[in-house]
Amino acid sequence: MPRAVSLAEKVLNQFKMQVGEVALVPSSGGAFEVILDGEKLYSKLETGTFPSERALIAQMGAKL
């Protein structure tokens, strides 16, 4: 899980003025989803892989 914590910290650092919180919700079965304002930006369950941090942060920035 250290990678997820690292990603959460990067998101908060990058968008500290636009993001009020980042929530990590424990689950099972390898789930990792990123949802921004109710829109799913990424799902490890759908892709089978962990996202590129750089690409995910860029995608979030485009939505904020």
C-alpha atoms as a PDB file:
ATOM      1  CA  MET A   1       0.000   0.000   0.000  1.00  0.00           C
ATOM      2  CA  PRO A   2       2.898   2.485   0.229  1.00  0.00           C
ATOM      3  CA  ARG A   3       2.403   3.370  -3.429  1.00  0.00           C
ATOM      4  CA  ALA A   4      -1.235   4.424  -2.812  1.00  0.00           C
ATOM      5  CA  VAL A   5      -0.194   6.579   0.127  1.00  0.00           C
ATOM      6  CA  SER A   6       2.508   8.163  -1.990  1.00  0.00           C
ATOM      7  CA  LEU A   7      -0.011   8.930  -4.734  1.00  0.00           C
ATOM      8  CA  ALA A   8      -2.438  10.474  -2.229  1.00  0.00           C
ATOM      9  CA  GLU A   9       0.339  12.702  -0.889  1.00  0.00           C
ATOM     10  CA  LYS A  10       1.313  13.755  -4.410  1.00  0.00           C
ATOM     11  CA  VAL A  11      -2.284  14.647  -5.252  1.00  0.00           C
ATOM     12  CA  LEU A  12      -2.634  16.712  -2.094  1.00  0.00           C
ATOM     13  CA  ASN A  13       0.676  18.472  -2.726  1.00  0.00           C
ATOM     14  CA  GLN A  14      -0.074  19.168  -6.396  1.00  0.00           C
ATOM     15  CA  PHE A  15      -3.659  20.360  -5.891  1.00  0.00           C
ATOM     16  CA  LYS A  16      -3.637  21.643  -2.313  1.00  0.00           C
ATOM     17  CA  MET A  17      -5.713  24.704  -3.231  1.00  0.00           C
ATOM     18  CA  GLN A  18      -8.283  22.744  -5.302  1.00  0.00           C
ATOM     19  CA  VAL A  19      -8.719  19.512  -3.315  1.00  0.00           C
ATOM     20  CA  GLY A  20     -10.331  19.436   0.093  1.00  0.00           C
ATOM     21  CA  GLU A  21      -9.510  15.819   0.844  1.00  0.00           C
ATOM     22  CA  VAL A  22      -8.224  12.534  -0.505  1.00  0.00           C
ATOM     23  CA  ALA A  23      -9.864   9.402   0.876  1.00  0.00           C
ATOM     24  CA  LEU A  24      -8.278   5.966   0.845  1.00  0.00           C
ATOM     25  CA  VAL A  25     -10.994   3.360   1.223  1.00  0.00           C
ATOM     26  CA  PRO A  26      -9.789  -0.172   2.006  1.00  0.00           C
ATOM     27  CA  SER A  27     -11.169  -2.934  -0.167  1.00  0.00           C
ATOM     28  CA  SER A  28     -10.343  -6.441  -1.289  1.00  0.00           C
ATOM     29  CA  GLY A  29      -9.559  -8.122  -4.565  1.00  0.00           C
ATOM     30  CA  GLY A  30      -6.977  -5.631  -5.807  1.00  0.00           C
ATOM     31  CA  ALA A  31      -9.411  -2.764  -6.319  1.00  0.00           C
ATOM     32  CA  PHE A  32      -7.931   0.671  -6.890  1.00  0.00           C
ATOM     33  CA  GLU A  33     -10.200   3.355  -8.268  1.00  0.00           C
ATOM     34  CA  VAL A  34      -9.811   7.085  -8.561  1.00  0.00           C
ATOM     35  CA  ILE A  35     -13.032   9.090  -8.506  1.00  0.00           C
ATOM     36  CA  LEU A  36     -13.135  12.868  -8.844  1.00  0.00           C
ATOM     37  CA  ASP A  37     -16.424  14.708  -8.290  1.00  0.00           C
ATOM     38  CA  GLY A  38     -18.341  11.472  -8.866  1.00  0.00           C
ATOM     39  CA  GLU A  39     -16.557  10.650 -12.154  1.00  0.00           C
ATOM     40  CA  LYS A  40     -14.381   7.549 -12.301  1.00  0.00           C
ATOM     41  CA  LEU A  41     -11.001   8.543 -13.709  1.00  0.00           C
ATOM     42  CA  TYR A  42      -9.285   5.217 -13.234  1.00  0.00           C
ATOM     43  CA  SER A  43     -10.106   1.635 -12.285  1.00  0.00           C
ATOM     44  CA  LYS A  44      -7.462  -1.024 -11.725  1.00  0.00           C
ATOM     45  CA  LEU A  45     -10.267  -3.587 -11.820  1.00  0.00           C
ATOM     46  CA  GLU A  46     -11.030  -2.546 -15.411  1.00  0.00           C
ATOM     47  CA  THR A  47      -7.441  -2.161 -16.651  1.00  0.00           C
ATOM     48  CA  GLY A  48      -5.695  -4.835 -14.602  1.00  0.00           C
ATOM     49  CA  THR A  49      -2.761  -2.523 -13.881  1.00  0.00           C
ATOM     50  CA  PHE A  50      -1.821   0.237 -11.482  1.00  0.00           C
ATOM     51  CA  PRO A  51      -1.989   3.704 -13.086  1.00  0.00           C
ATOM     52  CA  SER A  52       0.939   5.872 -14.073  1.00  0.00           C
ATOM     53  CA  GLU A  53       1.143   8.467 -11.300  1.00  0.00           C
ATOM     54  CA  ARG A  54       2.209  11.179 -13.722  1.00  0.00           C
ATOM     55  CA  ALA A  55      -0.640  10.456 -16.173  1.00  0.00           C
ATOM     56  CA  LEU A  56      -3.225  10.218 -13.396  1.00  0.00           C
ATOM     57  CA  ILE A  57      -2.159  13.516 -11.828  1.00  0.00           C
ATOM     58  CA  ALA A  58      -2.260  15.167 -15.262  1.00  0.00           C
ATOM     59  CA  GLN A  59      -5.755  13.785 -15.848  1.00  0.00           C
ATOM     60  CA  MET A  60      -6.901  15.080 -12.465  1.00  0.00           C
ATOM     61  CA  GLY A  61      -5.397  18.483 -13.206  1.00  0.00           C
ATOM     62  CA  ALA A  62      -7.363  18.686 -16.452  1.00  0.00           C
ATOM     63  CA  LYS A  63     -10.593  18.016 -14.510  1.00  0.00           C
ATOM     64  CA  LEU A  64      -9.870  20.541 -11.765  1.00  0.00           C
END
